[in-house]
Amino acid sequence: MKILRFATLLAVIVASMTSCNFKDDWYSEPTVDMFVLSICVRDSAGKNLVAPLGEEYYNSDPNRTKYRNEVDPAKYSLTVSLAGQYESYQASFLSIKFDDDYKMCPQRESDWKYDVDGNWYLVSQLSKASEQNQAVYEPITYIVRCFAVFGDDKEHKIEAWWKEDKDRAVTSGKYFECTKATFDGNPITPVKGVTHYDNSESRDFVGYFLNIVRGVVLE
């Protein structure tokens, strides 16, 4: 049943956007470009500052009994924009726990919460309607404001450069790999993580992870 839970969550992650603009709705288009970026912020002592948001197990629907990896929207803001486009778009984070190998931690069948150790990340899963000849996005800009994580009310900027991952062709669209990134103007190396959720290398979840120390950038 844990494998089924992985499949359910990953299907939610990759079946996200819809139009020529960025969206994070929960349905898919026939062809979409997909980008998955996760951030973890720690203090100088190594404390995971994302963890308190995840451990709230926020649920936007009080009648729902199972956790949907939501983050309280009152506690952060996220806007996303493409290079060369004036308009930016409101987006949202998921809170997901990963192990030290960047594999998604299993969730309890009863309520889909975690009872294993792991590292909390804020996960941005974005898609847009595919452009036939668009193989590079340089960059996508993420503007994040979150007092709980950063300890201030300032806007923090992540820029991520993406190119088509030609090794991961899928019928529903194109996956993109993050080739480089910056956090508040400082270079940071994205780490690729892969989670196999049905023992098949052809069906996996690929995301890119940024590990940030508040005030310092980890490469």
Protein backbone atom coordinates (compact mmCIF):
# COMPACT_ATOMS: atom_id res chain seq x y z
CA MET A 1 0.00 0.00 0.00
CA LYS A 2 2.94 2.35 0.51
CA ILE A 3 3.77 1.93 -3.18
CA LEU A 4 0.22 2.91 -4.05
CA ARG A 5 0.58 5.99 -1.85
CA PHE A 6 3.78 6.94 -3.69
CA ALA A 7 1.98 6.53 -7.00
CA THR A 8 -0.92 8.69 -5.89
CA LEU A 9 1.27 11.53 -4.67
CA LEU A 10 3.59 11.44 -7.66
CA ALA A 11 0.67 11.47 -10.04
CA VAL A 12 -0.51 14.63 -8.29
CA ILE A 13 2.94 16.18 -8.63
CA VAL A 14 3.41 15.56 -12.33
CA ALA A 15 -0.21 16.23 -13.39
CA SER A 16 -0.16 19.90 -12.62
CA MET A 17 -0.53 22.74 -15.11
CA THR A 18 -2.58 23.62 -18.04
CA SER A 19 -2.33 26.74 -20.11
CA CYS A 20 0.37 28.86 -21.70
CA ASN A 21 0.78 30.41 -18.24
CA PHE A 22 2.19 28.73 -15.18
CA LYS A 23 -0.43 26.94 -13.11
CA ASP A 24 -0.43 24.42 -10.29
CA ASP A 25 -3.92 23.02 -10.75
CA TRP A 26 -4.54 19.33 -10.20
CA TYR A 27 -5.23 18.15 -13.72
CA SER A 28 -3.12 17.56 -16.81
CA GLU A 29 -2.95 18.61 -20.43
CA PRO A 30 -2.08 16.29 -23.31
CA THR A 31 1.41 17.82 -23.57
CA VAL A 32 3.09 19.85 -20.85
CA ASP A 33 6.60 20.94 -19.90
CA MET A 34 7.34 19.86 -16.31
CA PHE A 35 9.70 21.38 -13.72
CA VAL A 36 10.11 20.10 -10.14
CA LEU A 37 12.26 22.14 -7.73
CA SER A 38 12.53 21.48 -3.97
CA ILE A 39 14.18 23.69 -1.37
CA CYS A 40 15.37 22.97 2.15
CA VAL A 41 16.56 25.80 4.40
CA ARG A 42 18.60 25.17 7.55
CA ASP A 43 20.13 27.42 10.18
CA SER A 44 23.85 27.46 10.95
CA ALA A 45 23.37 24.67 13.51
CA GLY A 46 21.78 22.39 10.90
CA LYS A 47 18.18 22.73 12.06
CA ASN A 48 15.67 22.18 9.26
CA LEU A 49 13.62 25.38 9.12
CA VAL A 50 11.06 23.92 6.73
CA ALA A 51 10.14 21.19 9.23
CA PRO A 52 7.73 23.27 11.38
CA LEU A 53 5.62 24.03 8.31
CA GLY A 54 5.50 20.38 7.31
CA GLU A 55 4.83 19.10 10.81
CA GLU A 56 1.73 21.29 11.06
CA TYR A 57 0.14 18.86 8.57
CA TYR A 58 -2.00 21.71 7.33
CA ASN A 59 -5.28 20.69 5.72
CA SER A 60 -7.33 23.23 3.78
CA ASP A 61 -10.41 21.01 4.13
CA PRO A 62 -11.27 20.23 7.78
CA ASN A 63 -13.47 17.36 6.65
CA ARG A 64 -10.65 15.58 4.87
CA THR A 65 -9.00 12.88 6.96
CA LYS A 66 -5.83 12.37 4.92
CA TYR A 67 -2.88 14.69 4.54
CA ARG A 68 -2.38 16.16 1.06
CA ASN A 69 1.11 17.67 1.60
CA GLU A 70 -0.29 21.19 1.70
CA VAL A 71 1.42 24.22 3.23
CA ASP A 72 -0.61 26.90 5.02
CA PRO A 73 -0.91 29.65 2.34
CA ALA A 74 -1.11 32.31 5.06
CA LYS A 75 2.51 31.61 5.98
CA TYR A 76 4.24 32.15 2.64
CA SER A 77 3.94 33.55 -0.85
CA LEU A 78 5.43 32.23 -4.08
CA THR A 79 5.40 33.88 -7.49
CA VAL A 80 6.99 32.48 -10.63
CA SER A 81 7.99 34.13 -13.88
CA LEU A 82 9.73 33.22 -17.12
CA ALA A 83 12.63 35.17 -18.57
CA GLY A 84 11.38 37.70 -21.08
CA GLN A 85 7.81 37.68 -19.76
CA TYR A 86 6.54 40.66 -17.81
CA GLU A 87 3.73 38.85 -16.04
CA SER A 88 4.37 36.63 -13.02
CA TYR A 89 2.09 33.95 -11.64
CA GLN A 90 1.00 32.90 -8.18
CA ALA A 91 2.09 29.36 -7.35
CA SER A 92 2.14 27.08 -4.32
CA PHE A 93 4.42 24.70 -2.44
CA LEU A 94 3.93 21.15 -1.27
CA SER A 95 5.67 19.96 1.92
CA ILE A 96 7.26 16.55 1.35
CA LYS A 97 9.72 14.50 3.37
CA PHE A 98 12.74 12.89 1.68
CA ASP A 99 15.51 10.66 3.01
CA ASP A 100 19.23 11.47 2.73
CA ASP A 101 19.32 9.93 -0.76
CA TYR A 102 16.54 12.27 -1.94
CA LYS A 103 14.02 9.46 -2.09
CA MET A 104 10.50 10.24 -0.96
CA CYS A 105 9.70 8.94 2.54
CA PRO A 106 6.75 6.56 2.87
CA GLN A 107 3.53 7.87 4.41
CA ARG A 108 1.14 6.04 6.70
CA GLU A 109 -1.77 4.45 4.92
CA SER A 110 -4.23 5.58 7.60
CA ASP A 111 -3.75 9.36 7.32
CA TRP A 112 -0.88 9.86 4.84
CA LYS A 113 1.30 11.45 7.51
CA TYR A 114 4.95 10.56 8.15
CA ASP A 115 6.23 8.43 11.01
CA VAL A 116 9.81 8.05 9.73
CA ASP A 117 12.82 10.36 9.96
CA GLY A 118 13.63 12.47 6.94
CA ASN A 119 14.26 15.95 5.60
CA TRP A 120 11.37 18.32 4.92
CA TYR A 121 11.42 20.21 1.61
CA LEU A 122 9.17 22.81 0.05
CA VAL A 123 8.40 21.41 -3.39
CA SER A 124 7.43 23.54 -6.36
CA GLN A 125 5.87 21.44 -9.12
CA LEU A 126 5.21 23.52 -12.21
CA SER A 127 4.12 22.80 -15.73
CA LYS A 128 3.15 24.78 -18.78
CA ALA A 129 1.72 23.95 -22.16
CA SER A 130 4.55 22.57 -24.26
CA GLU A 131 6.17 24.67 -26.94
CA GLN A 132 7.25 22.39 -29.76
CA ASN A 133 10.73 23.84 -30.17
CA GLN A 134 11.27 25.08 -26.62
CA ALA A 135 14.14 23.06 -25.15
CA VAL A 136 15.60 25.65 -22.76
CA TYR A 137 14.13 27.97 -20.10
CA GLU A 138 16.74 30.47 -18.90
CA PRO A 139 15.86 31.22 -16.22
CA ILE A 140 12.65 30.58 -14.34
CA THR A 141 12.47 32.98 -11.37
CA TYR A 142 10.87 32.05 -8.06
CA ILE A 143 10.15 34.86 -5.57
CA VAL A 144 9.58 33.46 -2.08
CA ARG A 145 8.50 35.23 1.09
CA CYS A 146 8.24 33.15 4.27
CA PHE A 147 8.99 34.45 7.76
CA ALA A 148 8.88 30.95 9.28
CA VAL A 149 11.73 29.78 7.07
CA PHE A 150 13.85 32.87 6.44
CA GLY A 151 13.25 34.78 9.68
CA ASP A 152 12.28 37.96 7.83
CA ASP A 153 9.56 39.38 5.62
CA LYS A 154 11.86 40.01 2.67
CA GLU A 155 11.43 38.60 -0.79
CA HIS A 156 14.06 35.98 -1.61
CA LYS A 157 14.85 35.15 -5.22
CA ILE A 158 15.70 31.77 -6.71
CA GLU A 159 16.67 31.61 -10.36
CA ALA A 160 16.83 28.20 -12.02
CA TRP A 161 18.03 27.36 -15.52
CA TRP A 162 16.33 24.41 -17.20
CA LYS A 163 16.88 22.36 -20.34
CA GLU A 164 14.91 19.48 -21.79
CA ASP A 165 15.82 16.09 -20.38
CA LYS A 166 15.88 14.13 -23.63
CA ASP A 167 16.55 10.88 -21.75
CA ARG A 168 13.11 11.08 -20.14
CA ALA A 169 10.68 11.37 -23.02
CA VAL A 170 7.07 10.87 -21.92
CA THR A 171 3.86 10.86 -23.91
CA SER A 172 2.27 13.53 -21.71
CA GLY A 173 4.99 16.11 -22.30
CA LYS A 174 8.62 16.93 -21.55
CA TYR A 175 10.62 16.78 -18.33
CA PHE A 176 13.25 19.45 -17.79
CA GLU A 177 16.49 19.20 -15.83
CA CYS A 178 17.82 22.02 -13.68
CA THR A 179 21.35 22.78 -14.87
CA LYS A 180 22.20 25.63 -12.48
CA ALA A 181 20.60 27.90 -9.93
CA THR A 182 21.16 30.94 -7.74
CA PHE A 183 19.70 31.94 -4.39
CA ASP A 184 19.63 35.68 -3.73
CA GLY A 185 22.28 36.04 -6.43
CA ASN A 186 24.64 33.39 -5.03
CA PRO A 187 25.36 30.25 -7.09
CA ILE A 188 23.95 27.02 -5.68
CA THR A 189 24.32 23.55 -7.16
CA PRO A 190 21.05 21.68 -7.81
CA VAL A 191 21.05 18.04 -6.74
CA LYS A 192 19.12 15.52 -8.83
CA GLY A 193 16.92 13.10 -6.92
CA VAL A 194 15.09 10.06 -8.27
CA THR A 195 12.33 8.08 -6.59
CA HIS A 196 11.27 4.77 -8.09
CA TYR A 197 7.77 4.03 -6.88
CA ASP A 198 6.83 0.87 -8.72
CA ASN A 199 10.18 -0.93 -9.13
CA SER A 200 10.34 0.20 -12.75
CA GLU A 201 13.04 2.53 -14.02
CA SER A 202 10.66 3.72 -16.71
CA ARG A 203 8.25 5.21 -14.16
CA ASP A 204 10.00 7.49 -11.75
CA PHE A 205 9.79 10.93 -10.21
CA VAL A 206 12.71 13.25 -10.94
CA GLY A 207 13.19 16.45 -9.00
CA TYR A 208 15.99 18.88 -8.32
CA PHE A 209 16.93 19.93 -4.78
CA LEU A 210 18.47 23.13 -3.41
CA ASN A 211 20.02 22.91 0.06
CA ILE A 212 20.31 26.36 1.61
CA VAL A 213 21.79 27.49 4.92
CA ARG A 214 20.20 30.71 6.12
CA GLY A 215 22.82 33.35 5.46
CA VAL A 216 25.06 30.86 3.61
CA VAL A 217 24.61 28.80 0.44
CA LEU A 218 25.53 25.12 0.34
CA GLU A 219 26.86 23.87 -2.97
